[in-house]
Amino acid sequence: MDRSQCLRLLRDYAGGSRDTGRHAGRKYGTIVLDPPAFAKTKRDLDKAHSGYKELNLRALKMLAPGGILVTCSCSFQ
């Protein structure tokens, strides 16, 4: 997999793409998650926590043993 394919995968994944079938069974040594803000108001906090949890759980399933997961979050709250 070349760099452009890796970046595409990460954009798809962070964007909430559910089409992970093409990556099923593949493991990655490094995954970087940098999604957009999930909570723009206090009212959105519970939903944001749930979204960040789901995103990270999905990434962990694709992470190779001993791999590195970098997660960034940017919320207004």
Protein backbone atom coordinates (compact mmCIF):
# COMPACT_ATOMS: atom_id res chain seq x y z
CA MET A 1 0.00 0.00 0.00
CA ASP A 2 1.48 3.33 -1.00
CA ARG A 3 1.20 6.60 0.95
CA SER A 4 -1.78 7.91 -1.04
CA GLN A 5 -3.75 4.73 -0.35
CA CYS A 6 -2.97 5.00 3.37
CA LEU A 7 -4.11 8.61 3.49
CA ARG A 8 -7.29 7.72 1.61
CA LEU A 9 -8.03 4.94 4.08
CA LEU A 10 -7.59 7.30 7.01
CA ARG A 11 -9.81 9.98 5.46
CA ASP A 12 -12.52 7.40 4.75
CA TYR A 13 -12.27 5.95 8.21
CA ALA A 14 -12.36 9.25 10.05
CA GLY A 15 -15.17 10.42 7.81
CA GLY A 16 -17.31 7.60 9.12
CA SER A 17 -17.18 5.38 6.06
CA ARG A 18 -18.78 2.06 6.87
CA ASP A 19 -17.18 0.47 3.80
CA THR A 20 -14.44 -1.33 5.67
CA GLY A 21 -15.02 -4.56 3.73
CA ARG A 22 -12.18 -3.78 1.35
CA HIS A 23 -9.89 -3.58 4.39
CA ALA A 24 -11.34 -6.58 6.21
CA GLY A 25 -8.66 -8.65 7.83
CA ARG A 26 -5.91 -6.14 7.07
CA LYS A 27 -3.81 -4.90 9.93
CA TYR A 28 -1.90 -1.65 10.01
CA GLY A 29 1.17 -0.78 12.06
CA THR A 30 0.13 2.85 12.50
CA ILE A 31 -3.29 4.45 12.38
CA VAL A 32 -3.85 8.18 12.84
CA LEU A 33 -7.35 9.41 13.58
CA ASP A 34 -8.10 13.12 13.27
CA PRO A 35 -11.85 13.48 12.88
CA PRO A 36 -13.73 16.76 12.75
CA ALA A 37 -15.22 18.12 15.97
CA PHE A 38 -18.04 15.89 17.19
CA ALA A 39 -19.27 18.29 19.90
CA LYS A 40 -19.95 21.86 18.95
CA THR A 41 -22.28 22.46 21.91
CA LYS A 42 -22.62 20.96 25.39
CA ARG A 43 -25.79 19.30 24.18
CA ASP A 44 -23.66 17.23 21.77
CA LEU A 45 -21.27 15.83 24.41
CA ASP A 46 -22.92 12.44 24.97
CA LYS A 47 -23.20 11.80 21.25
CA ALA A 48 -19.60 12.94 20.77
CA HIS A 49 -18.29 10.56 23.45
CA SER A 50 -20.14 7.72 21.76
CA GLY A 51 -18.75 8.70 18.36
CA TYR A 52 -15.16 8.93 19.55
CA LYS A 53 -15.49 5.57 21.31
CA GLU A 54 -16.87 3.90 18.16
CA LEU A 55 -14.18 5.43 15.97
CA ASN A 56 -11.38 4.25 18.27
CA LEU A 57 -12.83 0.76 18.66
CA ARG A 58 -13.01 0.41 14.88
CA ALA A 59 -9.40 1.57 14.58
CA LEU A 60 -8.21 -0.84 17.28
CA LYS A 61 -9.70 -3.75 15.32
CA MET A 62 -7.53 -2.76 12.35
CA LEU A 63 -4.35 -2.18 14.39
CA ALA A 64 -1.58 -4.78 14.21
CA PRO A 65 -0.27 -6.18 17.52
CA GLY A 66 2.25 -3.71 18.91
CA GLY A 67 0.98 -1.05 16.49
CA ILE A 68 0.57 2.63 17.21
CA LEU A 69 -2.81 4.38 17.36
CA VAL A 70 -2.77 8.17 17.40
CA THR A 71 -6.09 9.81 18.17
CA CYS A 72 -6.72 13.54 17.99
CA SER A 73 -9.94 15.21 19.02
CA CYS A 74 -11.10 18.72 18.47
CA SER A 75 -14.32 19.65 20.18
CA PHE A 76 -15.47 23.05 21.26
CA GLN A 77 -16.46 21.73 24.72
